[in-house]
N, C-alpha and C. Protein backbone atom coordinates (compact mmCIF):
# COMPACT_ATOMS: atom_id res chain seq x y z
N UNK A 1 -44.33 43.49 49.66
CA UNK A 1 -43.68 42.31 49.64
C UNK A 1 -42.98 42.00 48.35
N UNK A 2 -44.32 42.32 47.15
CA UNK A 2 -43.81 41.82 45.84
C UNK A 2 -42.42 42.76 45.53
N UNK A 3 -42.31 43.90 46.05
CA UNK A 3 -40.96 44.41 45.56
C UNK A 3 -39.71 43.83 46.09
N UNK A 4 -39.97 43.25 47.33
CA UNK A 4 -38.58 42.57 47.73
C UNK A 4 -38.45 41.17 46.94
N UNK A 5 -39.66 40.50 46.43
CA UNK A 5 -39.06 39.32 45.53
C UNK A 5 -38.32 39.65 44.24
N UNK A 6 -38.71 40.87 43.94
CA UNK A 6 -37.77 41.18 42.60
C UNK A 6 -36.92 42.02 42.48
N UNK A 7 -36.24 42.03 43.78
CA UNK A 7 -34.79 43.18 44.17
C UNK A 7 -34.08 42.14 44.75
N UNK A 8 -32.76 42.84 44.60
CA UNK A 8 -31.63 42.22 45.19
C UNK A 8 -31.00 43.22 46.46
N UNK A 9 -30.33 42.68 47.19
CA UNK A 9 -29.56 43.29 47.89
C UNK A 9 -28.13 43.45 47.67
N UNK A 10 -27.71 44.60 47.68
CA UNK A 10 -26.18 44.74 46.80
C UNK A 10 -25.42 45.07 47.92
N UNK A 11 -24.21 44.21 47.83
CA UNK A 11 -23.33 44.43 48.90
C UNK A 11 -21.83 44.66 47.92
N UNK A 12 -21.43 46.29 48.41
CA UNK A 12 -20.33 46.72 47.46
C UNK A 12 -19.25 46.55 48.32
N UNK A 13 -18.24 45.79 47.69
CA UNK A 13 -17.06 45.80 48.53
C UNK A 13 -15.88 46.49 47.90
N UNK A 14 -15.23 47.18 48.78
CA UNK A 14 -14.13 48.13 48.60
C UNK A 14 -12.68 47.82 49.10
N UNK A 15 -11.79 48.30 48.25
CA UNK A 15 -10.43 48.12 48.83
C UNK A 15 -9.92 49.27 49.74
N UNK A 16 -9.81 49.29 50.84
CA UNK A 16 -9.47 50.44 51.81
C UNK A 16 -8.19 50.87 51.53
N UNK A 17 -7.24 50.15 51.16
CA UNK A 17 -5.78 50.72 50.67
C UNK A 17 -5.55 51.12 49.26
N UNK A 18 -6.89 51.15 48.15
CA UNK A 18 -6.51 51.75 47.02
C UNK A 18 -7.21 53.34 47.13
N UNK A 19 -6.34 54.33 46.13
CA UNK A 19 -6.77 55.59 46.05
C UNK A 19 -8.27 55.72 45.94
N UNK A 20 -8.93 56.40 46.46
CA UNK A 20 -10.27 56.88 46.30
C UNK A 20 -10.64 57.48 45.03
N UNK A 21 -9.82 58.55 44.35
CA UNK A 21 -9.88 59.21 43.44
C UNK A 21 -10.13 58.59 42.33
N UNK A 22 -9.42 57.49 42.01
CA UNK A 22 -9.24 56.85 40.59
C UNK A 22 -8.22 57.44 39.74
N UNK A 23 -7.70 58.43 40.52
CA UNK A 23 -6.26 58.92 39.66
C UNK A 23 -5.19 58.80 40.52
N UNK A 24 -4.30 57.87 40.00
CA UNK A 24 -3.04 57.97 40.60
C UNK A 24 -2.08 59.00 40.60
N UNK A 25 -1.15 59.39 41.52
CA UNK A 25 -0.21 60.19 41.40
C UNK A 25 0.27 60.40 40.06
N UNK A 26 0.52 61.68 39.46
CA UNK A 26 1.36 61.75 38.16
C UNK A 26 -0.06 62.12 37.12
N UNK A 27 -1.13 62.05 37.61
CA UNK A 27 -2.32 62.18 36.47
C UNK A 27 -2.80 61.18 35.72
N UNK A 28 -2.31 60.01 36.00
CA UNK A 28 -2.76 58.84 34.85
C UNK A 28 -4.05 58.25 35.76
N UNK A 29 -4.93 57.92 35.09
CA UNK A 29 -5.92 56.99 35.42
C UNK A 29 -5.30 55.57 35.96
N UNK A 30 -5.62 55.06 36.83
CA UNK A 30 -5.15 53.66 37.27
C UNK A 30 -5.73 52.74 36.45
N UNK A 31 -6.70 52.64 35.81
CA UNK A 31 -7.30 51.81 35.02
C UNK A 31 -7.64 52.16 33.37
N UNK A 32 -6.90 53.20 32.83
CA UNK A 32 -6.95 53.56 31.43
C UNK A 32 -8.41 54.10 31.36
N UNK A 33 -9.01 53.43 30.27
CA UNK A 33 -10.32 53.57 29.65
C UNK A 33 -11.19 52.72 30.10
N UNK A 34 -10.79 51.78 31.02
CA UNK A 34 -11.48 50.58 31.81
C UNK A 34 -12.98 51.13 32.58
N UNK A 35 -14.16 50.76 32.59
CA UNK A 35 -15.13 51.78 33.37
C UNK A 35 -15.41 50.78 34.64
N UNK A 36 -14.28 51.05 35.48
CA UNK A 36 -14.20 50.22 36.75
C UNK A 36 -13.67 51.47 37.67
N UNK A 37 -14.01 51.57 38.93
CA UNK A 37 -13.64 52.19 40.01
C UNK A 37 -12.40 51.65 40.67
N UNK A 38 -11.28 52.26 40.99
CA UNK A 38 -10.30 51.57 41.32
C UNK A 38 -10.20 50.80 42.97
N UNK A 39 -11.06 51.75 43.70
CA UNK A 39 -11.11 51.21 45.12
C UNK A 39 -12.29 50.05 45.25
N UNK A 40 -13.13 50.11 44.21
CA UNK A 40 -14.41 48.90 44.32
C UNK A 40 -13.72 47.61 43.71
N UNK A 41 -13.97 46.78 44.64
CA UNK A 41 -13.47 45.40 44.46
C UNK A 41 -14.47 44.72 43.68
N UNK A 42 -15.86 44.86 43.83
CA UNK A 42 -16.93 44.29 43.14
C UNK A 42 -18.22 44.27 44.03
N UNK A 43 -19.13 43.84 43.47
CA UNK A 43 -20.59 43.81 44.01
C UNK A 43 -21.13 42.42 43.94
N UNK A 44 -21.68 42.15 45.09
CA UNK A 44 -22.56 40.85 45.66
C UNK A 44 -23.77 41.15 45.64
N UNK A 45 -24.48 40.35 44.65
CA UNK A 45 -26.24 40.74 44.71
C UNK A 45 -26.99 39.39 45.29
N UNK A 46 -27.52 39.73 46.48
CA UNK A 46 -28.20 38.78 47.14
C UNK A 46 -29.72 38.92 46.92
N UNK A 47 -30.35 37.67 46.33
CA UNK A 47 -31.63 37.71 46.11
C UNK A 47 -32.54 38.01 47.62
N UNK A 48 -33.34 38.86 47.34
CA UNK A 48 -34.27 38.93 48.52
C UNK A 48 -35.78 38.35 48.60
N UNK A 49 -35.96 37.29 47.69
CA UNK A 49 -36.84 36.50 47.59
C UNK A 49 -37.23 35.85 49.00
N UNK A 50 -36.13 35.19 49.46
CA UNK A 50 -36.40 34.57 50.89
C UNK A 50 -36.48 35.51 51.94
N UNK A 51 -36.03 36.59 51.88
CA UNK A 51 -36.20 37.67 53.20
C UNK A 51 -37.46 38.11 53.04
N UNK A 52 -38.24 38.14 51.83
CA UNK A 52 -39.62 38.48 51.71
C UNK A 52 -40.83 37.46 52.29
N UNK A 53 -40.03 36.02 52.22
CA UNK A 53 -41.03 35.24 52.79
C UNK A 53 -40.76 34.61 54.14
N UNK A 54 -39.74 35.70 54.80
CA UNK A 54 -39.69 35.30 56.01
C UNK A 54 -38.27 34.52 56.62
N UNK A 55 -37.78 34.21 55.73
CA UNK A 55 -36.66 33.16 55.76
C UNK A 55 -35.28 33.72 55.66
N UNK A 56 -34.36 33.12 56.35
CA UNK A 56 -33.00 33.79 56.36
C UNK A 56 -32.42 33.48 54.86
N UNK A 57 -31.21 34.09 54.69
CA UNK A 57 -30.30 33.87 53.88
C UNK A 57 -29.07 33.33 54.19
N UNK A 58 -28.42 32.23 53.92
CA UNK A 58 -27.34 31.59 54.27
C UNK A 58 -26.63 31.11 52.96
N UNK A 59 -25.26 31.46 52.73
CA UNK A 59 -24.24 30.80 51.86
C UNK A 59 -23.29 31.45 51.25
N UNK A 60 -22.54 31.09 50.45
CA UNK A 60 -21.48 31.90 49.86
C UNK A 60 -21.92 32.22 48.23
N UNK A 61 -21.76 33.73 48.27
CA UNK A 61 -22.02 34.34 47.17
C UNK A 61 -20.91 35.06 46.29
N UNK A 62 -21.08 35.15 44.91
CA UNK A 62 -20.20 35.75 44.15
C UNK A 62 -19.95 37.22 44.40
N UNK A 63 -18.76 37.91 44.34
CA UNK A 63 -18.49 39.00 44.09
C UNK A 63 -18.06 39.38 42.55
N UNK A 64 -18.67 40.21 42.00
CA UNK A 64 -18.41 40.32 40.34
C UNK A 64 -17.85 41.73 40.48
N UNK A 65 -17.14 42.01 39.35
CA UNK A 65 -16.44 43.23 38.98
C UNK A 65 -17.72 43.97 38.13
N UNK A 66 -17.63 45.54 37.94
CA UNK A 66 -18.45 46.15 36.90
C UNK A 66 -18.85 45.16 35.52
N UNK A 67 -17.50 44.90 35.30
CA UNK A 67 -17.54 43.86 33.85
C UNK A 67 -18.31 42.59 33.93
N UNK A 68 -18.63 42.05 35.37
CA UNK A 68 -19.26 40.84 35.67
C UNK A 68 -18.15 39.60 35.81
N UNK A 69 -16.92 39.92 35.78
CA UNK A 69 -15.93 39.15 36.18
C UNK A 69 -16.00 38.83 37.91
N UNK A 70 -15.25 37.58 38.28
CA UNK A 70 -15.52 36.83 39.44
C UNK A 70 -14.28 37.33 40.26
N UNK A 71 -14.66 38.04 41.22
CA UNK A 71 -13.68 38.66 42.14
C UNK A 71 -13.54 37.98 43.53
N UNK A 72 -14.15 36.96 43.62
CA UNK A 72 -14.11 36.45 45.04
C UNK A 72 -15.63 36.09 45.39
N UNK A 73 -15.50 35.62 46.69
CA UNK A 73 -16.95 34.96 47.20
C UNK A 73 -17.02 35.69 48.77
N UNK A 74 -18.24 36.03 49.27
CA UNK A 74 -18.27 36.60 50.32
C UNK A 74 -19.36 35.50 51.07
N UNK A 75 -19.26 35.31 52.33
CA UNK A 75 -20.16 34.11 52.98
C UNK A 75 -21.08 35.35 53.86
N UNK A 76 -22.39 34.94 53.49
CA UNK A 76 -23.53 35.75 54.04
C UNK A 76 -24.16 34.78 55.01
N UNK A 77 -24.94 35.30 56.05
CA UNK A 77 -25.73 34.82 56.95
C UNK A 77 -26.59 36.05 57.42
N UNK A 78 -27.87 35.84 56.85
CA UNK A 78 -28.86 37.00 57.36
C UNK A 78 -30.07 36.12 58.19
N UNK A 79 -30.40 36.56 59.27
CA UNK A 79 -31.62 35.60 60.03
C UNK A 79 -32.38 36.54 60.39
N UNK A 80 -33.81 36.19 60.19
CA UNK A 80 -34.97 37.04 60.16
C UNK A 80 -35.19 36.67 61.68
N UNK A 81 -35.25 37.63 62.49
CA UNK A 81 -35.77 37.38 63.87
C UNK A 81 -36.77 38.66 64.15
N UNK A 82 -38.24 38.29 64.91
CA UNK A 82 -39.07 39.20 65.29
C UNK A 82 -39.00 39.39 66.54
N UNK A 83 -38.55 40.59 67.10
CA UNK A 83 -38.00 41.04 68.26
C UNK A 83 -39.59 41.17 69.18
N UNK A 84 -40.72 41.16 68.37
CA UNK A 84 -42.09 41.39 69.08
C UNK A 84 -42.75 39.98 69.16
N UNK A 85 -42.03 38.95 68.97
CA UNK A 85 -42.93 37.70 69.17
C UNK A 85 -43.06 37.48 70.51
N UNK A 86 -44.08 36.98 70.90
CA UNK A 86 -44.59 36.71 72.18
C UNK A 86 -44.58 35.25 72.81
N UNK A 87 -44.58 34.66 71.55
CA UNK A 87 -44.58 33.19 71.88
C UNK A 87 -43.21 32.33 71.68
N UNK A 88 -42.94 31.57 72.30
CA UNK A 88 -41.86 30.78 71.80
C UNK A 88 -42.25 29.89 70.87
N UNK A 89 -40.91 29.60 69.82
CA UNK A 89 -41.26 28.59 68.90
C UNK A 89 -41.72 27.13 69.03
N UNK A 90 -42.66 26.58 68.78
CA UNK A 90 -43.16 25.25 68.88
C UNK A 90 -42.27 24.70 67.80
N UNK A 91 -42.33 23.13 68.19
CA UNK A 91 -41.50 22.18 67.54
C UNK A 91 -41.94 22.32 66.02
N UNK A 92 -42.98 22.51 65.34
CA UNK A 92 -43.43 22.83 63.90
C UNK A 92 -42.90 23.94 63.49
N UNK A 93 -42.94 25.05 64.25
CA UNK A 93 -42.15 26.26 63.89
C UNK A 93 -40.71 26.05 63.59
N UNK A 94 -40.03 25.37 64.55
CA UNK A 94 -38.52 24.98 64.47
C UNK A 94 -38.32 24.11 63.26
N UNK A 95 -39.01 23.27 62.90
CA UNK A 95 -39.12 22.22 61.78
C UNK A 95 -38.86 23.01 60.63
N UNK A 96 -39.86 23.82 60.62
CA UNK A 96 -40.40 24.65 59.26
C UNK A 96 -39.32 25.74 58.97
N UNK A 97 -38.55 26.28 60.17
CA UNK A 97 -37.20 27.13 60.07
C UNK A 97 -36.01 26.25 59.46
N UNK A 98 -36.00 25.23 59.98
CA UNK A 98 -34.71 24.27 59.82
C UNK A 98 -34.95 23.83 58.26
N UNK A 99 -36.08 23.71 57.63
CA UNK A 99 -36.18 23.77 56.47
C UNK A 99 -35.78 24.72 55.32
N UNK A 100 -36.23 25.79 56.01
CA UNK A 100 -36.09 27.03 55.16
C UNK A 100 -34.59 27.43 55.49
N UNK A 101 -33.99 27.62 56.38
CA UNK A 101 -32.53 28.18 56.62
C UNK A 101 -31.50 27.22 57.16
N UNK A 102 -31.74 26.27 57.75
CA UNK A 102 -30.66 25.30 58.54
C UNK A 102 -29.91 24.31 57.79
N UNK A 103 -28.74 24.67 57.64
CA UNK A 103 -27.77 23.56 56.74
C UNK A 103 -26.59 23.34 57.77
N UNK A 104 -25.81 22.60 57.49
CA UNK A 104 -24.77 22.05 57.95
C UNK A 104 -23.53 23.18 58.54
N UNK A 105 -23.41 24.08 57.43
CA UNK A 105 -22.53 25.16 57.63
C UNK A 105 -22.97 26.15 58.91
N UNK A 106 -24.21 26.39 58.73
CA UNK A 106 -24.92 27.19 60.22
C UNK A 106 -24.74 26.22 61.28
N UNK A 107 -24.94 25.17 61.17
CA UNK A 107 -25.05 24.30 62.66
C UNK A 107 -23.48 24.61 63.00
N UNK A 108 -22.41 24.45 62.05
CA UNK A 108 -21.10 24.48 62.50
C UNK A 108 -20.74 25.96 63.17
N UNK A 109 -21.18 26.80 62.51
CA UNK A 109 -20.85 28.06 62.88
C UNK A 109 -21.62 28.35 64.29
N UNK A 110 -22.67 27.72 64.56
CA UNK A 110 -23.20 27.94 66.15
C UNK A 110 -22.27 27.40 66.87
N UNK A 111 -21.86 26.02 66.58
CA UNK A 111 -21.09 25.30 67.43
C UNK A 111 -19.60 26.10 67.74
N UNK A 112 -19.26 26.57 66.67
CA UNK A 112 -17.94 27.16 66.83
C UNK A 112 -17.83 28.29 67.59
N UNK A 113 -18.96 29.11 67.66
CA UNK A 113 -19.09 30.35 68.21
C UNK A 113 -18.85 29.78 70.03
N UNK A 114 -19.66 28.69 70.35
CA UNK A 114 -19.77 28.20 71.56
C UNK A 114 -18.56 27.76 71.67
N UNK A 115 -17.97 26.87 71.08
CA UNK A 115 -16.71 26.21 71.28
C UNK A 115 -15.60 27.14 71.43
N UNK A 116 -15.60 28.35 71.01
CA UNK A 116 -14.39 29.43 71.15
C UNK A 116 -14.53 29.96 72.37
N UNK A 117 -15.81 30.00 73.12
CA UNK A 117 -15.97 30.75 74.39
C UNK A 117 -15.38 29.64 75.52
N UNK A 118 -15.68 28.44 75.24
CA UNK A 118 -15.41 27.36 76.00
C UNK A 118 -13.96 26.87 76.00
N UNK A 119 -13.16 27.36 74.69
CA UNK A 119 -11.59 27.21 74.68
C UNK A 119 -10.94 27.86 75.56
N UNK A 120 -11.51 28.89 76.06
CA UNK A 120 -10.61 29.71 76.76
C UNK A 120 -10.34 28.91 78.14
N UNK A 121 -11.29 27.71 78.47
CA UNK A 121 -11.28 27.28 79.90
C UNK A 121 -10.28 26.34 79.64
N UNK A 122 -9.34 26.20 80.98
CA UNK A 122 -8.41 25.19 80.87
C UNK A 122 -8.72 23.76 81.59
N UNK A 123 -9.99 23.36 81.28
CA UNK A 123 -10.77 22.03 82.11
C UNK A 123 -11.04 20.78 81.28
N UNK A 124 -11.23 19.77 81.67
CA UNK A 124 -11.51 18.72 80.91
C UNK A 124 -12.96 18.64 80.48
N UNK A 125 -13.52 17.85 79.69
CA UNK A 125 -14.89 18.11 79.17
C UNK A 125 -15.88 17.78 80.02
N UNK A 126 -15.57 16.89 81.08
CA UNK A 126 -16.77 16.67 82.02
C UNK A 126 -17.03 17.98 82.87
N UNK A 127 -15.99 18.43 83.18
CA UNK A 127 -15.98 19.71 84.09
C UNK A 127 -16.77 20.98 83.12
N UNK A 128 -16.49 20.96 82.23
CA UNK A 128 -16.74 21.97 81.20
C UNK A 128 -18.22 21.59 81.12
N UNK A 129 -18.66 20.53 80.93
CA UNK A 129 -20.27 20.04 80.64
C UNK A 129 -21.01 20.37 82.01
N UNK A 130 -20.16 20.61 83.18
CA UNK A 130 -20.78 21.03 84.34
C UNK A 130 -21.28 22.33 84.26
N UNK A 131 -20.66 23.13 83.42
CA UNK A 131 -21.13 24.49 83.20
C UNK A 131 -22.59 24.69 82.81
N UNK A 132 -23.14 23.53 82.16
CA UNK A 132 -24.35 23.69 81.55
C UNK A 132 -25.31 22.79 82.66
N UNK A 133 -24.65 21.74 83.03
CA UNK A 133 -25.50 20.79 83.85
C UNK A 133 -25.60 21.06 85.56
N UNK A 134 -24.71 21.87 85.85
CA UNK A 134 -24.89 22.15 87.11
C UNK A 134 -24.19 21.19 88.08
N UNK A 135 -23.27 20.24 87.31
CA UNK A 135 -22.79 19.32 88.10
C UNK A 135 -23.38 17.93 88.00
N UNK A 136 -24.74 17.81 87.46
CA UNK A 136 -25.20 16.58 87.10
C UNK A 136 -25.09 16.10 85.84
N UNK A 137 -25.80 14.84 85.43
CA UNK A 137 -25.12 14.24 84.09
C UNK A 137 -25.87 14.81 82.87
N UNK A 138 -27.16 15.37 83.03
CA UNK A 138 -27.48 15.93 81.95
C UNK A 138 -28.16 17.50 82.35
N UNK A 139 -28.42 17.94 81.15
CA UNK A 139 -29.13 19.53 81.42
C UNK A 139 -30.29 19.67 80.37
N UNK A 140 -31.00 20.53 80.93
CA UNK A 140 -32.20 20.99 80.08
C UNK A 140 -31.89 21.69 78.95
N UNK A 141 -32.78 21.98 78.25
CA UNK A 141 -32.66 22.98 77.04
C UNK A 141 -32.49 24.34 77.57
N UNK A 142 -33.52 24.42 78.30
CA UNK A 142 -33.43 25.97 78.73
C UNK A 142 -32.19 25.96 79.51
N UNK A 143 -31.59 25.23 80.23
CA UNK A 143 -30.24 25.55 81.08
C UNK A 143 -28.95 25.74 80.06
N UNK A 144 -28.97 24.79 78.92
CA UNK A 144 -28.15 25.07 78.08
C UNK A 144 -28.21 26.40 77.42
N UNK A 145 -29.32 26.74 76.80
CA UNK A 145 -29.46 28.17 76.40
C UNK A 145 -29.28 29.54 77.31
N UNK A 146 -29.64 29.36 78.50
CA UNK A 146 -29.13 30.20 79.63
C UNK A 146 -27.67 30.49 79.65
N UNK A 147 -26.85 29.15 79.66
CA UNK A 147 -25.46 29.23 79.85
C UNK A 147 -24.95 30.01 78.65
N UNK A 148 -25.35 29.41 77.40
CA UNK A 148 -24.80 29.86 76.01
C UNK A 148 -25.15 31.73 76.09
N UNK A 149 -26.16 32.11 76.10
CA UNK A 149 -26.48 33.31 76.35
C UNK A 149 -25.99 34.34 77.42
N UNK A 150 -26.04 33.81 78.69
CA UNK A 150 -25.72 34.55 79.92
C UNK A 150 -24.63 34.25 80.22
N UNK A 151 -24.20 33.15 80.84
CA UNK A 151 -22.64 32.70 81.58
C UNK A 151 -21.66 32.97 80.34
N UNK A 152 -21.73 32.19 78.97
CA UNK A 152 -20.66 32.58 77.96
C UNK A 152 -20.89 33.78 77.24
N UNK A 153 -21.93 34.60 77.62
CA UNK A 153 -22.38 36.09 76.97
C UNK A 153 -22.28 36.01 75.48
N UNK A 154 -23.04 35.01 75.12
CA UNK A 154 -23.19 35.11 73.60
C UNK A 154 -24.50 35.60 72.92
N UNK A 155 -25.11 36.47 74.00
CA UNK A 155 -26.43 36.79 73.62
C UNK A 155 -26.38 37.72 72.33
N UNK A 156 -25.24 38.52 72.05
CA UNK A 156 -25.16 39.39 70.82
C UNK A 156 -24.99 38.78 69.75
N UNK A 157 -24.13 37.11 69.67
CA UNK A 157 -23.87 36.40 68.66
C UNK A 157 -24.78 35.45 68.52
N UNK A 158 -25.51 35.17 69.22
CA UNK A 158 -26.49 33.93 68.92
C UNK A 158 -27.99 34.20 69.37
N UNK A 159 -29.21 33.90 68.80
CA UNK A 159 -30.21 34.09 69.43
C UNK A 159 -30.76 33.05 69.77
N UNK A 160 -31.88 33.16 70.62
CA UNK A 160 -32.43 31.96 71.44
C UNK A 160 -33.15 31.14 70.37
N UNK A 161 -33.60 31.68 69.55
CA UNK A 161 -34.16 31.07 68.43
C UNK A 161 -33.42 30.09 67.65
N UNK A 162 -32.04 30.72 67.50
CA UNK A 162 -31.05 29.96 66.73
C UNK A 162 -30.50 28.41 67.79
N UNK A 163 -30.53 29.01 68.78
CA UNK A 163 -30.24 27.80 69.94
C UNK A 163 -31.26 26.84 69.78
N UNK A 164 -32.62 27.23 69.93
CA UNK A 164 -33.62 26.00 69.68
C UNK A 164 -33.65 25.39 68.42
N UNK A 165 -33.21 25.99 67.39
CA UNK A 165 -33.27 25.09 66.13
C UNK A 165 -32.05 23.97 66.18
N UNK A 166 -30.79 24.40 66.96
CA UNK A 166 -29.62 23.63 66.91
C UNK A 166 -29.77 22.81 68.10
N UNK A 167 -30.53 22.96 68.95
CA UNK A 167 -30.64 21.83 70.25
C UNK A 167 -32.08 20.79 69.07
N UNK A 168 -32.97 21.53 68.47
CA UNK A 168 -33.94 20.52 68.01
C UNK A 168 -33.08 19.54 66.95
N UNK A 169 -32.25 20.14 66.36
CA UNK A 169 -31.65 19.36 65.48
C UNK A 169 -30.80 18.21 65.99
N UNK A 170 -29.97 18.65 66.92
CA UNK A 170 -28.88 17.80 67.67
C UNK A 170 -29.76 16.68 68.62
N UNK A 171 -30.92 17.06 69.39
CA UNK A 171 -31.47 16.33 70.38
C UNK A 171 -32.69 15.62 69.89
N UNK A 172 -33.30 16.15 68.64
CA UNK A 172 -34.48 15.73 68.10
C UNK A 172 -35.66 15.59 69.13
N UNK A 173 -35.92 14.71 69.86
CA UNK A 173 -37.14 14.87 70.79
C UNK A 173 -36.84 14.59 72.19
N UNK A 174 -35.57 14.47 72.40
CA UNK A 174 -35.00 14.35 73.84
C UNK A 174 -35.34 15.83 74.64
N UNK A 175 -35.78 15.68 75.73
CA UNK A 175 -35.87 16.96 76.62
C UNK A 175 -34.62 17.69 77.11
N UNK A 176 -33.50 16.36 77.35
CA UNK A 176 -32.24 16.86 77.95
C UNK A 176 -31.08 16.61 77.18
N UNK A 177 -29.87 17.36 77.51
CA UNK A 177 -28.60 17.09 76.77
C UNK A 177 -27.78 16.21 77.81
N UNK A 178 -27.25 15.15 77.18
CA UNK A 178 -26.13 14.47 78.30
C UNK A 178 -24.75 14.86 77.64
N UNK A 179 -23.99 14.46 78.30
CA UNK A 179 -22.50 14.51 77.91
C UNK A 179 -22.17 13.91 76.57
N UNK A 180 -22.63 12.90 76.47
CA UNK A 180 -22.40 12.48 74.88
C UNK A 180 -22.80 13.27 73.86
N UNK A 181 -24.05 14.09 74.01
CA UNK A 181 -24.72 14.88 73.21
C UNK A 181 -23.89 16.06 73.02
N UNK A 182 -23.42 16.35 74.26
CA UNK A 182 -22.37 17.74 74.18
C UNK A 182 -21.20 17.56 73.46
N UNK A 183 -20.40 16.46 73.47
CA UNK A 183 -19.08 16.30 73.10
C UNK A 183 -19.53 15.87 71.63
């Protein structure tokens, strides 16, 4: 683990439309004597310290050229999930995870994924909420997660742990979600 605390995860960004050889037609180097690779836009270096601690990485990181010049930013979200975990996260686990990797951008991302799936439906909000609540005035956290993961087929985009964290942040200690919480 100490190795990861001192290393970076390098993301190399390439321009698919640039010539790969570094030599343009006519035999001239595209960058003269500059120490650059013509098809490489830059490198984004992500510190792996948080991953070594079992936390996720979320945020915008700089892409820098070989010379260290800023070439743009990349939005990164890496979530740690233990597929062998046998227990459901309890409130303390969720709170700890929120402090480690939960932020407003992450929350919006999860909500936007669910909203994208729901946007395909041409029904009003009350009927839309009925997908989760089975026609009642509220739905349980488990019903909401089931509908997101199974009915809306988001199981490859959102983890159950992420939904647990979102629900805990939005509902606090409430066991159920009502339509006001949904909107």
